[in-house]
C-alpha atoms as a PDB file:
ATOM      1  CA  MET A   1      56.685 101.083  65.205  1.00  0.00           C
ATOM      2  CA  PRO A   2      53.079 100.544  65.867  1.00  0.00           C
ATOM      3  CA  ALA A   3      51.252 103.098  68.161  1.00  0.00           C
ATOM      4  CA  ASP A   4      50.733 100.898  70.869  1.00  0.00           C
ATOM      5  CA  VAL A   5      53.976  99.474  71.021  1.00  0.00           C
ATOM      6  CA  ARG A   6      55.192 103.530  71.237  1.00  0.00           C
ATOM      7  CA  THR A   7      52.601 104.013  73.829  1.00  0.00           C
ATOM      8  CA  PHE A   8      53.905 101.019  76.207  1.00  0.00           C
ATOM      9  CA  ILE A   9      57.287 102.119  75.607  1.00  0.00           C
ATOM     10  CA  GLN A  10      56.609 105.699  76.621  1.00  0.00           C
ATOM     11  CA  ARG A  11      54.599 104.529  79.818  1.00  0.00           C
ATOM     12  CA  ARG A  12      57.114 101.412  80.910  1.00  0.00           C
ATOM     13  CA  ASP A  13      60.182 103.931  80.751  1.00  0.00           C
ATOM     14  CA  GLY A  14      58.280 106.189  83.218  1.00  0.00           C
ATOM     15  CA  CYS A  15      57.686 103.115  85.183  1.00  0.00           C
ATOM     16  CA  ASP A  16      61.242 101.702  85.118  1.00  0.00           C
ATOM     17  CA  HIS A  17      62.476 105.779  86.003  1.00  0.00           C
ATOM     18  CA  PHE A  18      60.197 105.717  88.979  1.00  0.00           C
ATOM     19  CA  ARG A  19      60.986 102.195  90.130  1.00  0.00           C
ATOM     20  CA  GLY A  20      64.686 103.361  90.668  1.00  0.00           C
ATOM     21  CA  GLU A  21      64.297 106.594  92.737  1.00  0.00           C
ATOM     22  CA  GLU A  22      64.413 106.007  96.738  1.00  0.00           C
ATOM     23  CA  ALA A  23      61.641 107.960  98.781  1.00  0.00           C
ATOM     24  CA  THR A  24      63.717 110.469 100.589  1.00  0.00           C
ATOM     25  CA  ASP A  25      60.808 111.705 102.838  1.00  0.00           C
ATOM     26  CA  PRO A  26      56.968 110.788 103.472  1.00  0.00           C
ATOM     27  CA  GLU A  27      55.882 113.456 100.668  1.00  0.00           C
ATOM     28  CA  ARG A  28      58.193 111.754  97.957  1.00  0.00           C
ATOM     29  CA  ALA A  29      57.305 108.187  98.712  1.00  0.00           C
ATOM     30  CA  THR A  30      53.693 109.151  98.482  1.00  0.00           C
ATOM     31  CA  PHE A  31      54.538 110.704  94.913  1.00  0.00           C
ATOM     32  CA  LEU A  32      56.488 107.561  93.792  1.00  0.00           C
ATOM     33  CA  ALA A  33      53.718 104.940  94.787  1.00  0.00           C
ATOM     34  CA  ALA A  34      51.107 107.001  93.324  1.00  0.00           C
ATOM     35  CA  GLN A  35      53.430 107.327  89.942  1.00  0.00           C
ATOM     36  CA  LEU A  36      54.241 103.375  90.066  1.00  0.00           C
ATOM     37  CA  LYS A  37      50.154 102.716  90.481  1.00  0.00           C
ATOM     38  CA  LYS A  38      49.646 104.871  87.226  1.00  0.00           C
ATOM     39  CA  LEU A  39      52.810 103.938  85.143  1.00  0.00           C
ATOM     40  CA  CYS A  40      53.396 100.524  86.296  1.00  0.00           C
ATOM     41  CA  THR A  41      49.943  98.729  86.780  1.00  0.00           C
ATOM     42  CA  GLY A  42      49.177  96.334  83.961  1.00  0.00           C
ATOM     43  CA  THR A  43      52.399  96.588  82.084  1.00  0.00           C
ATOM     44  CA  ASP A  44      53.611  92.962  82.355  1.00  0.00           C
ATOM     45  CA  ALA A  45      50.229  91.608  80.904  1.00  0.00           C
ATOM     46  CA  GLN A  46      50.642  94.541  78.263  1.00  0.00           C
ATOM     47  CA  LEU A  47      54.209  93.403  77.619  1.00  0.00           C
ATOM     48  CA  ALA A  48      53.173  89.893  77.290  1.00  0.00           C
ATOM     49  CA  ARG A  49      50.238  90.819  74.965  1.00  0.00           C
ATOM     50  CA  LEU A  50      52.529  92.676  72.386  1.00  0.00           C
ATOM     51  CA  ARG A  51      55.230  90.468  72.329  1.00  0.00           C
ATOM     52  CA  LYS A  52      52.703  87.821  71.479  1.00  0.00           C
ATOM     53  CA  SER A  53      50.684  89.966  68.811  1.00  0.00           C
ATOM     54  CA  TYR A  54      54.275  91.328  67.188  1.00  0.00           C
ATOM     55  CA  ALA A  55      55.998  87.860  67.380  1.00  0.00           C
ATOM     56  CA  ALA A  56      56.568  88.098  63.551  1.00  0.00           C
ATOM     57  CA  ASN A  57      57.921  91.714  63.786  1.00  0.00           C
ATOM     58  CA  PRO A  58      61.816  91.661  64.566  1.00  0.00           C
ATOM     59  CA  VAL A  59      61.763  95.315  64.848  1.00  0.00           C
ATOM     60  CA  VAL A  60      59.212  95.240  67.608  1.00  0.00           C
ATOM     61  CA  ILE A  61      60.756  92.343  69.443  1.00  0.00           C
ATOM     62  CA  ARG A  62      63.875  94.067  69.594  1.00  0.00           C
ATOM     63  CA  ALA A  63      62.453  97.188  71.031  1.00  0.00           C
ATOM     64  CA  LEU A  64      60.433  95.353  73.897  1.00  0.00           C
ATOM     65  CA  ALA A  65      63.423  92.742  74.353  1.00  0.00           C
ATOM     66  CA  ASP A  66      65.006  94.699  77.286  1.00  0.00           C
ATOM     67  CA  TYR A  67      61.923  95.141  79.338  1.00  0.00           C
ATOM     68  CA  GLU A  68      61.617  92.780  82.453  1.00  0.00           C
ATOM     69  CA  PRO A  69      58.517  90.631  81.832  1.00  0.00           C
ATOM     70  CA  ASN A  70      57.364  90.526  86.057  1.00  0.00           C
ATOM     71  CA  ILE A  71      57.844  93.825  87.667  1.00  0.00           C
ATOM     72  CA  GLU A  72      54.293  94.197  89.293  1.00  0.00           C
END
């Protein structure tokens, strides 16, 4: 797996993890907002670039298949 794809997957998995969490108090809400900004910002465009760059690589395309294209 290309390094840029591995990096994206790690970052986006973190993003998706925090997207699924609920803020139970103001402190947690602040933490979640910071994590979402850090991990999710730019991933829509990055996913589109990776899908385009590796369109001929079925292994990469399969690895990216389950990621939603528009989360930001």
